Amino acid sequence: MKLLLGLTTVFAIGSAATGALAQPAGQPPPPPPPSGSTEPPASGYTEPPPPPPAGGSPGYTQPTYYEPPPAFGKPRGANTHDGFYLRMAIGGGYFNDSVSTNATFIGSGDITISGFTTAGEFLVGGTVANGFVIGGGLLTGVVIEPDVDLGGISAQSSGNLFFGMLGPFMDYYFDPNKGLHLQVMVGLGFLTGESSDSETAVGGGLAVGLGHDWWVSDEWSLGILGRLAFAAVKVDDSFINEEHKAVQAAALFTATYH
């Protein structure tokens, strides 16, 4: 009986020693599982920090981001008909002048002066609305040794005739980024010969042109222009009265800064 009690005591002590050896020495117990989780946490699990309060933590500043300008592209106003306007043009065409006079020594009937004419213009202005330009300028032309018809008698003049117009103009581009445009000038017309004793006929004038420009840089364009100019001018003094109805039809090459 004492032997059985002794064996029972030894068995109990051996079972406790076996359980102590199964547990590694110095190893902390695993952390408890997260709330609401049924899975045990992995070894070394650390609870994440709570999120910042709504609206950001105190002292937090929203970062600003720099957006660089585009590296490529046209500058503002490039290839657009706006701002300052300058046009220079040169060309040629046909001139015709119907003359009425009281000079009896010239002969009876109508007098016609006609021939080849140079044509030019110099205009300066500014854009006042979308594609709409106003300004002032000069239209010119030289009729080179024109033909003169005196009541059926034809002759060629040995001198040149100068024709021109000075006054305000408008130029309208139907699309400010393209080249089709309409030009109108109303002003003072004049007509004179090249000799020193020639009288200058003056009066009203009207010119209308239709043209197209093509861009060659951000502001410069080259183009062509068809122009029709009319002037009703006269010479009125104590000896001779002359009334001229002059028409110039010309094609011009243009250079425009706009």
C-alpha atoms as a PDB file:
ATOM      1  CA  MET A   1       0.000   0.000   0.000  1.00  0.00           C
ATOM      2  CA  LYS A   2       2.794   2.466   0.786  1.00  0.00           C
ATOM      3  CA  LEU A   3       4.471   1.362  -2.437  1.00  0.00           C
ATOM      4  CA  LEU A   4       1.384   2.306  -4.518  1.00  0.00           C
ATOM      5  CA  LEU A   5       1.154   5.695  -2.853  1.00  0.00           C
ATOM      6  CA  GLY A   6       4.829   6.257  -3.532  1.00  0.00           C
ATOM      7  CA  LEU A   7       4.457   5.361  -7.200  1.00  0.00           C
ATOM      8  CA  THR A   8       1.450   7.621  -7.504  1.00  0.00           C
ATOM      9  CA  THR A   9       3.407  10.528  -6.052  1.00  0.00           C
ATOM     10  CA  VAL A  10       6.377   9.880  -8.377  1.00  0.00           C
ATOM     11  CA  PHE A  11       4.032   9.741 -11.424  1.00  0.00           C
ATOM     12  CA  ALA A  12       2.436  13.050 -10.475  1.00  0.00           C
ATOM     13  CA  ILE A  13       5.800  14.737  -9.994  1.00  0.00           C
ATOM     14  CA  GLY A  14       7.059  13.323 -13.357  1.00  0.00           C
ATOM     15  CA  SER A  15       3.970  14.629 -15.197  1.00  0.00           C
ATOM     16  CA  ALA A  16       4.504  18.156 -13.819  1.00  0.00           C
ATOM     17  CA  ALA A  17       8.188  18.086 -14.790  1.00  0.00           C
ATOM     18  CA  THR A  18       7.319  16.961 -18.332  1.00  0.00           C
ATOM     19  CA  GLY A  19       4.832  19.864 -18.736  1.00  0.00           C
ATOM     20  CA  ALA A  20       7.475  22.401 -17.542  1.00  0.00           C
ATOM     21  CA  LEU A  21       9.988  21.097 -20.074  1.00  0.00           C
ATOM     22  CA  ALA A  22       7.429  21.446 -22.924  1.00  0.00           C
ATOM     23  CA  GLN A  23       7.134  25.201 -22.292  1.00  0.00           C
ATOM     24  CA  PRO A  24      10.302  27.038 -23.554  1.00  0.00           C
ATOM     25  CA  ALA A  25      12.030  29.032 -20.935  1.00  0.00           C
ATOM     26  CA  GLY A  26      12.044  32.834 -21.217  1.00  0.00           C
ATOM     27  CA  GLN A  27       9.397  32.999 -24.107  1.00  0.00           C
ATOM     28  CA  PRO A  28       6.511  35.461 -23.412  1.00  0.00           C
ATOM     29  CA  PRO A  29       3.022  34.301 -23.989  1.00  0.00           C
ATOM     30  CA  PRO A  30       1.464  35.240 -27.368  1.00  0.00           C
ATOM     31  CA  PRO A  31      -0.585  38.469 -27.496  1.00  0.00           C
ATOM     32  CA  PRO A  32      -4.323  38.223 -27.273  1.00  0.00           C
ATOM     33  CA  PRO A  33      -6.210  38.157 -30.570  1.00  0.00           C
ATOM     34  CA  PRO A  34      -7.733  41.448 -31.830  1.00  0.00           C
ATOM     35  CA  SER A  35     -11.203  42.321 -30.736  1.00  0.00           C
ATOM     36  CA  GLY A  36     -13.804  40.621 -32.825  1.00  0.00           C
ATOM     37  CA  SER A  37     -11.260  38.316 -34.501  1.00  0.00           C
ATOM     38  CA  THR A  38     -11.439  34.559 -34.318  1.00  0.00           C
ATOM     39  CA  GLU A  39      -7.930  34.035 -35.737  1.00  0.00           C
ATOM     40  CA  PRO A  40      -4.964  34.117 -33.386  1.00  0.00           C
ATOM     41  CA  PRO A  41      -2.472  36.916 -34.227  1.00  0.00           C
ATOM     42  CA  ALA A  42       0.809  36.043 -35.870  1.00  0.00           C
ATOM     43  CA  SER A  43       3.948  36.100 -33.814  1.00  0.00           C
ATOM     44  CA  GLY A  44       5.265  39.695 -33.414  1.00  0.00           C
ATOM     45  CA  TYR A  45       1.870  41.321 -34.359  1.00  0.00           C
ATOM     46  CA  THR A  46       1.630  45.037 -33.481  1.00  0.00           C
ATOM     47  CA  GLU A  47      -1.684  46.926 -33.314  1.00  0.00           C
ATOM     48  CA  PRO A  48      -1.728  49.761 -35.978  1.00  0.00           C
ATOM     49  CA  PRO A  49      -2.035  53.386 -34.737  1.00  0.00           C
ATOM     50  CA  PRO A  50      -5.481  54.980 -34.832  1.00  0.00           C
ATOM     51  CA  PRO A  51      -6.320  57.160 -37.911  1.00  0.00           C
ATOM     52  CA  PRO A  52      -5.920  60.985 -37.579  1.00  0.00           C
ATOM     53  CA  PRO A  53      -9.035  62.940 -36.670  1.00  0.00           C
ATOM     54  CA  ALA A  54     -11.276  64.275 -39.438  1.00  0.00           C
ATOM     55  CA  GLY A  55      -9.936  67.486 -40.985  1.00  0.00           C
ATOM     56  CA  GLY A  56      -6.304  66.628 -40.249  1.00  0.00           C
ATOM     57  CA  SER A  57      -4.247  66.781 -37.128  1.00  0.00           C
ATOM     58  CA  PRO A  58      -3.455  70.131 -35.493  1.00  0.00           C
ATOM     59  CA  GLY A  59      -0.750  72.003 -37.408  1.00  0.00           C
ATOM     60  CA  TYR A  60      -1.282  69.975 -40.598  1.00  0.00           C
ATOM     61  CA  THR A  61      -0.967  71.980 -43.855  1.00  0.00           C
ATOM     62  CA  GLN A  62      -2.279  70.750 -47.202  1.00  0.00           C
ATOM     63  CA  PRO A  63       0.693  70.576 -49.590  1.00  0.00           C
ATOM     64  CA  THR A  64       0.579  72.745 -52.737  1.00  0.00           C
ATOM     65  CA  TYR A  65       1.620  71.416 -56.097  1.00  0.00           C
ATOM     66  CA  TYR A  66       3.369  73.517 -58.807  1.00  0.00           C
ATOM     67  CA  GLU A  67       2.071  73.015 -62.299  1.00  0.00           C
ATOM     68  CA  PRO A  68       4.770  74.028 -64.789  1.00  0.00           C
ATOM     69  CA  PRO A  69       3.824  75.876 -67.979  1.00  0.00           C
ATOM     70  CA  PRO A  70       3.586  73.814 -71.148  1.00  0.00           C
ATOM     71  CA  ALA A  71       6.973  73.231 -72.695  1.00  0.00           C
ATOM     72  CA  PHE A  72       5.634  73.513 -76.195  1.00  0.00           C
ATOM     73  CA  GLY A  73       2.990  75.655 -77.924  1.00  0.00           C
ATOM     74  CA  LYS A  74       2.523  79.074 -79.513  1.00  0.00           C
ATOM     75  CA  PRO A  75       2.728  82.262 -77.455  1.00  0.00           C
ATOM     76  CA  ARG A  76      -0.419  84.216 -76.783  1.00  0.00           C
ATOM     77  CA  GLY A  77      -1.586  86.069 -79.917  1.00  0.00           C
ATOM     78  CA  ALA A  78       0.581  84.077 -82.334  1.00  0.00           C
ATOM     79  CA  ASN A  79      -0.975  83.526 -85.775  1.00  0.00           C
ATOM     80  CA  THR A  80      -3.942  85.659 -84.758  1.00  0.00           C
ATOM     81  CA  HIS A  81      -4.988  88.893 -86.431  1.00  0.00           C
ATOM     82  CA  ASP A  82      -5.041  91.200 -83.414  1.00  0.00           C
ATOM     83  CA  GLY A  83      -3.240  94.227 -81.988  1.00  0.00           C
ATOM     84  CA  PHE A  84      -1.050  96.498 -84.104  1.00  0.00           C
ATOM     85  CA  TYR A  85      -1.516  96.417 -87.891  1.00  0.00           C
ATOM     86  CA  LEU A  86       0.971  97.313 -90.633  1.00  0.00           C
ATOM     87  CA  ARG A  87       0.599  96.510 -94.331  1.00  0.00           C
ATOM     88  CA  MET A  88       2.858  97.199 -97.287  1.00  0.00           C
ATOM     89  CA  ALA A  89       1.933  96.132-100.810  1.00  0.00           C
ATOM     90  CA  ILE A  90       3.109  96.463-104.395  1.00  0.00           C
ATOM     91  CA  GLY A  91       1.666  95.320-107.698  1.00  0.00           C
ATOM     92  CA  GLY A  92       0.269  96.421-111.013  1.00  0.00           C
ATOM     93  CA  GLY A  93      -2.851  96.603-113.112  1.00  0.00           C
ATOM     94  CA  TYR A  94      -4.914  98.682-115.510  1.00  0.00           C
ATOM     95  CA  PHE A  95      -5.938 102.345-115.322  1.00  0.00           C
ATOM     96  CA  ASN A  96      -8.714 104.172-117.159  1.00  0.00           C
ATOM     97  CA  ASP A  97      -9.699 107.858-116.877  1.00  0.00           C
ATOM     98  CA  SER A  98     -12.681 109.484-118.572  1.00  0.00           C
ATOM     99  CA  VAL A  99     -12.180 113.251-118.839  1.00  0.00           C
ATOM    100  CA  SER A 100     -14.643 116.062-119.497  1.00  0.00           C
ATOM    101  CA  THR A 101     -13.231 119.539-120.132  1.00  0.00           C
ATOM    102  CA  ASN A 102     -14.209 122.993-121.415  1.00  0.00           C
ATOM    103  CA  ALA A 103     -10.880 123.468-123.181  1.00  0.00           C
ATOM    104  CA  THR A 104     -11.934 124.100-126.805  1.00  0.00           C
ATOM    105  CA  PHE A 105      -8.421 123.832-128.180  1.00  0.00           C
ATOM    106  CA  ILE A 106      -8.241 120.149-127.276  1.00  0.00           C
ATOM    107  CA  GLY A 107     -11.136 119.226-129.534  1.00  0.00           C
ATOM    108  CA  SER A 108     -14.640 117.920-129.137  1.00  0.00           C
ATOM    109  CA  GLY A 109     -15.779 114.575-127.747  1.00  0.00           C
ATOM    110  CA  ASP A 110     -14.737 112.514-124.802  1.00  0.00           C
ATOM    111  CA  ILE A 111     -11.136 112.162-123.733  1.00  0.00           C
ATOM    112  CA  THR A 112      -9.891 108.821-122.445  1.00  0.00           C
ATOM    113  CA  ILE A 113      -6.568 108.160-120.763  1.00  0.00           C
ATOM    114  CA  SER A 114      -5.638 104.516-120.201  1.00  0.00           C
ATOM    115  CA  GLY A 115      -2.703 102.177-119.752  1.00  0.00           C
ATOM    116  CA  PHE A 116      -0.645 100.037-117.408  1.00  0.00           C
ATOM    117  CA  THR A 117      -0.354 101.250-113.833  1.00  0.00           C
ATOM    118  CA  THR A 118       1.789 100.309-110.888  1.00  0.00           C
ATOM    119  CA  ALA A 119      -0.039  99.960-107.584  1.00  0.00           C
ATOM    120  CA  GLY A 120       1.030 100.196-103.974  1.00  0.00           C
ATOM    121  CA  GLU A 121      -0.224 100.857-100.495  1.00  0.00           C
ATOM    122  CA  PHE A 122       1.021 101.676 -97.021  1.00  0.00           C
ATOM    123  CA  LEU A 123      -1.482 101.218 -94.169  1.00  0.00           C
ATOM    124  CA  VAL A 124      -1.163 101.551 -90.380  1.00  0.00           C
ATOM    125  CA  GLY A 125      -3.865 100.792 -87.834  1.00  0.00           C
ATOM    126  CA  GLY A 126      -5.045  98.720 -84.899  1.00  0.00           C
ATOM    127  CA  THR A 127      -7.542  95.981 -84.083  1.00  0.00           C
ATOM    128  CA  VAL A 128     -10.676  97.309 -82.367  1.00  0.00           C
ATOM    129  CA  ALA A 129     -12.726  94.100 -82.368  1.00  0.00           C
ATOM    130  CA  ASN A 130     -12.415  90.436 -83.265  1.00  0.00           C
ATOM    131  CA  GLY A 131     -10.593  90.564 -86.628  1.00  0.00           C
ATOM    132  CA  PHE A 132     -11.721  94.151 -87.324  1.00  0.00           C
ATOM    133  CA  VAL A 133      -9.027  96.768 -88.065  1.00  0.00           C
ATOM    134  CA  ILE A 134      -9.297 100.523 -88.574  1.00  0.00           C
ATOM    135  CA  GLY A 135      -6.543 102.970 -89.444  1.00  0.00           C
ATOM    136  CA  GLY A 136      -5.236 105.287 -92.088  1.00  0.00           C
ATOM    137  CA  GLY A 137      -2.989 105.055 -95.101  1.00  0.00           C
ATOM    138  CA  LEU A 138      -2.010 105.843 -98.655  1.00  0.00           C
ATOM    139  CA  LEU A 139      -2.805 104.099-101.956  1.00  0.00           C
ATOM    140  CA  THR A 140      -0.612 104.929-104.946  1.00  0.00           C
ATOM    141  CA  GLY A 141      -0.227 104.254-108.637  1.00  0.00           C
ATOM    142  CA  VAL A 142       1.867 105.441-111.585  1.00  0.00           C
ATOM    143  CA  VAL A 143       0.344 105.245-115.074  1.00  0.00           C
ATOM    144  CA  ILE A 144       3.377 104.793-117.326  1.00  0.00           C
ATOM    145  CA  GLU A 145       3.126 106.784-120.604  1.00  0.00           C
ATOM    146  CA  PRO A 146      -0.604 106.200-121.016  1.00  0.00           C
ATOM    147  CA  ASP A 147      -2.542 106.150-124.258  1.00  0.00           C
ATOM    148  CA  VAL A 148      -4.660 109.256-124.862  1.00  0.00           C
ATOM    149  CA  ASP A 149      -7.745 109.206-127.056  1.00  0.00           C
ATOM    150  CA  LEU A 150      -8.884 112.703-128.093  1.00  0.00           C
ATOM    151  CA  GLY A 151     -12.255 112.290-129.739  1.00  0.00           C
ATOM    152  CA  GLY A 152     -11.165 109.323-131.815  1.00  0.00           C
ATOM    153  CA  ILE A 153      -7.569 110.432-132.303  1.00  0.00           C
ATOM    154  CA  SER A 154      -5.172 108.228-130.390  1.00  0.00           C
ATOM    155  CA  ALA A 155      -1.701 109.126-129.192  1.00  0.00           C
ATOM    156  CA  GLN A 156       0.733 107.992-126.570  1.00  0.00           C
ATOM    157  CA  SER A 157       1.767 110.383-123.852  1.00  0.00           C
ATOM    158  CA  SER A 158       5.460 110.920-123.283  1.00  0.00           C
ATOM    159  CA  GLY A 159       4.915 111.528-119.591  1.00  0.00           C
ATOM    160  CA  ASN A 160       3.534 109.589-116.636  1.00  0.00           C
ATOM    161  CA  LEU A 161       0.391 110.153-114.641  1.00  0.00           C
ATOM    162  CA  PHE A 162       0.234 109.830-110.845  1.00  0.00           C
ATOM    163  CA  PHE A 163      -2.871 108.511-109.119  1.00  0.00           C
ATOM    164  CA  GLY A 164      -3.454 108.114-105.393  1.00  0.00           C
ATOM    165  CA  MET A 165      -5.784 108.133-102.420  1.00  0.00           C
ATOM    166  CA  LEU A 166      -5.254 109.205 -98.803  1.00  0.00           C
ATOM    167  CA  GLY A 167      -7.635 108.530 -95.936  1.00  0.00           C
ATOM    168  CA  PRO A 168      -9.077 106.134 -93.354  1.00  0.00           C
ATOM    169  CA  PHE A 169      -9.608 102.455 -94.014  1.00  0.00           C
ATOM    170  CA  MET A 170     -11.043  99.322 -92.472  1.00  0.00           C
ATOM    171  CA  ASP A 171      -9.884  95.736 -92.904  1.00  0.00           C
ATOM    172  CA  TYR A 172     -11.994  92.813 -91.719  1.00  0.00           C
ATOM    173  CA  TYR A 173     -10.732  89.221 -91.285  1.00  0.00           C
ATOM    174  CA  PHE A 174     -13.601  86.777 -91.460  1.00  0.00           C
ATOM    175  CA  ASP A 175     -11.636  84.433 -89.167  1.00  0.00           C
ATOM    176  CA  PRO A 176      -8.913  86.110 -87.025  1.00  0.00           C
ATOM    177  CA  ASN A 177      -6.724  82.996 -87.264  1.00  0.00           C
ATOM    178  CA  LYS A 178      -6.980  82.711 -91.031  1.00  0.00           C
ATOM    179  CA  GLY A 179      -6.218  84.950 -93.991  1.00  0.00           C
ATOM    180  CA  LEU A 180      -9.373  85.852 -95.938  1.00  0.00           C
ATOM    181  CA  HIS A 181     -10.135  89.565 -95.496  1.00  0.00           C
ATOM    182  CA  LEU A 182     -12.094  92.490 -96.952  1.00  0.00           C
ATOM    183  CA  GLN A 183     -10.533  95.957 -97.176  1.00  0.00           C
ATOM    184  CA  VAL A 184     -12.324  99.292 -97.740  1.00  0.00           C
ATOM    185  CA  MET A 185     -10.916 102.833 -97.908  1.00  0.00           C
ATOM    186  CA  VAL A 186     -12.752 106.146 -98.306  1.00  0.00           C
ATOM    187  CA  GLY A 187     -10.660 109.277 -98.663  1.00  0.00           C
ATOM    188  CA  LEU A 188      -9.169 112.041-100.740  1.00  0.00           C
ATOM    189  CA  GLY A 189      -8.307 111.066-104.306  1.00  0.00           C
ATOM    190  CA  PHE A 190      -5.829 112.924-106.482  1.00  0.00           C
ATOM    191  CA  LEU A 191      -4.513 112.791-110.042  1.00  0.00           C
ATOM    192  CA  THR A 192      -1.630 114.758-111.547  1.00  0.00           C
ATOM    193  CA  GLY A 193       0.959 114.724-114.311  1.00  0.00           C
ATOM    194  CA  GLU A 194       4.712 114.663-113.840  1.00  0.00           C
ATOM    195  CA  SER A 195       5.422 118.009-115.495  1.00  0.00           C
ATOM    196  CA  SER A 196       5.914 121.008-113.243  1.00  0.00           C
ATOM    197  CA  ASP A 197       3.028 122.950-114.796  1.00  0.00           C
ATOM    198  CA  SER A 198       0.473 120.142-114.387  1.00  0.00           C
ATOM    199  CA  GLU A 199      -2.615 120.917-112.369  1.00  0.00           C
ATOM    200  CA  THR A 200      -3.589 118.440-109.636  1.00  0.00           C
ATOM    201  CA  ALA A 201      -7.149 117.190-109.764  1.00  0.00           C
ATOM    202  CA  VAL A 202      -8.594 116.400-106.313  1.00  0.00           C
ATOM    203  CA  GLY A 203     -11.846 114.930-105.074  1.00  0.00           C
ATOM    204  CA  GLY A 204     -13.390 111.935-103.391  1.00  0.00           C
ATOM    205  CA  GLY A 205     -12.181 108.365-103.664  1.00  0.00           C
ATOM    206  CA  LEU A 206     -13.266 104.846-102.777  1.00  0.00           C
ATOM    207  CA  ALA A 207     -11.236 101.616-102.825  1.00  0.00           C
ATOM    208  CA  VAL A 208     -12.382  98.047-102.164  1.00  0.00           C
ATOM    209  CA  GLY A 209     -10.106  95.008-101.948  1.00  0.00           C
ATOM    210  CA  LEU A 210     -10.444  91.295-101.277  1.00  0.00           C
ATOM    211  CA  GLY A 211      -7.393  89.271-100.349  1.00  0.00           C
ATOM    212  CA  HIS A 212      -5.859  86.354 -98.504  1.00  0.00           C
ATOM    213  CA  ASP A 213      -2.805  86.160 -96.220  1.00  0.00           C
ATOM    214  CA  TRP A 214      -0.643  83.157 -95.276  1.00  0.00           C
ATOM    215  CA  TRP A 215       1.314  83.074 -92.012  1.00  0.00           C
ATOM    216  CA  VAL A 216       5.123  83.001 -92.319  1.00  0.00           C
ATOM    217  CA  SER A 217       5.848  83.702 -88.618  1.00  0.00           C
ATOM    218  CA  ASP A 218       3.935  84.391 -85.395  1.00  0.00           C
ATOM    219  CA  GLU A 219       2.966  87.928 -86.543  1.00  0.00           C
ATOM    220  CA  TRP A 220       3.996  88.306 -90.215  1.00  0.00           C
ATOM    221  CA  SER A 221       1.993  87.065 -93.187  1.00  0.00           C
ATOM    222  CA  LEU A 222       2.379  87.295 -96.955  1.00  0.00           C
ATOM    223  CA  GLY A 223      -0.558  87.425 -99.310  1.00  0.00           C
ATOM    224  CA  ILE A 224      -2.296  88.616-102.433  1.00  0.00           C
ATOM    225  CA  LEU A 225      -4.912  91.347-102.806  1.00  0.00           C
ATOM    226  CA  GLY A 226      -7.245  92.266-105.628  1.00  0.00           C
ATOM    227  CA  ARG A 227      -8.167  95.954-105.406  1.00  0.00           C
ATOM    228  CA  LEU A 228     -10.511  98.278-107.281  1.00  0.00           C
ATOM    229  CA  ALA A 229     -10.105 102.029-106.680  1.00  0.00           C
ATOM    230  CA  PHE A 230     -12.299 104.831-108.025  1.00  0.00           C
ATOM    231  CA  ALA A 231     -11.812 108.593-107.796  1.00  0.00           C
ATOM    232  CA  ALA A 232     -14.021 111.450-109.004  1.00  0.00           C
ATOM    233  CA  VAL A 233     -11.603 114.389-109.136  1.00  0.00           C
ATOM    234  CA  LYS A 234     -11.518 117.728-110.930  1.00  0.00           C
ATOM    235  CA  VAL A 235      -9.483 120.787-111.760  1.00  0.00           C
ATOM    236  CA  ASP A 236     -11.411 124.028-111.487  1.00  0.00           C
ATOM    237  CA  ASP A 237      -9.724 127.342-112.231  1.00  0.00           C
ATOM    238  CA  SER A 238     -10.510 130.509-114.211  1.00  0.00           C
ATOM    239  CA  PHE A 239      -9.300 129.076-117.530  1.00  0.00           C
ATOM    240  CA  ILE A 240      -9.815 125.329-117.658  1.00  0.00           C
ATOM    241  CA  ASN A 241     -12.277 123.034-115.950  1.00  0.00           C
ATOM    242  CA  GLU A 242     -11.618 119.282-115.975  1.00  0.00           C
ATOM    243  CA  GLU A 243     -13.602 116.468-114.479  1.00  0.00           C
ATOM    244  CA  HIS A 244     -11.938 113.043-114.190  1.00  0.00           C
ATOM    245  CA  LYS A 245     -13.509 109.701-113.411  1.00  0.00           C
ATOM    246  CA  ALA A 246     -10.523 107.466-112.783  1.00  0.00           C
ATOM    247  CA  VAL A 247     -10.581 103.727-112.148  1.00  0.00           C
ATOM    248  CA  GLN A 248      -7.621 101.564-111.135  1.00  0.00           C
ATOM    249  CA  ALA A 249      -7.911  97.753-111.092  1.00  0.00           C
ATOM    250  CA  ALA A 250      -4.835  96.054-109.641  1.00  0.00           C
ATOM    251  CA  ALA A 251      -3.420  92.865-108.143  1.00  0.00           C
ATOM    252  CA  LEU A 252      -0.927  93.303-105.307  1.00  0.00           C
ATOM    253  CA  PHE A 253       1.475  91.232-103.254  1.00  0.00           C
ATOM    254  CA  THR A 254       1.157  92.116 -99.571  1.00  0.00           C
ATOM    255  CA  ALA A 255       3.293  91.862 -96.437  1.00  0.00           C
ATOM    256  CA  THR A 256       1.331  92.309 -93.205  1.00  0.00           C
ATOM    257  CA  TYR A 257       2.386  92.529 -89.557  1.00  0.00           C
ATOM    258  CA  HIS A 258      -0.673  91.816 -87.464  1.00  0.00           C
END
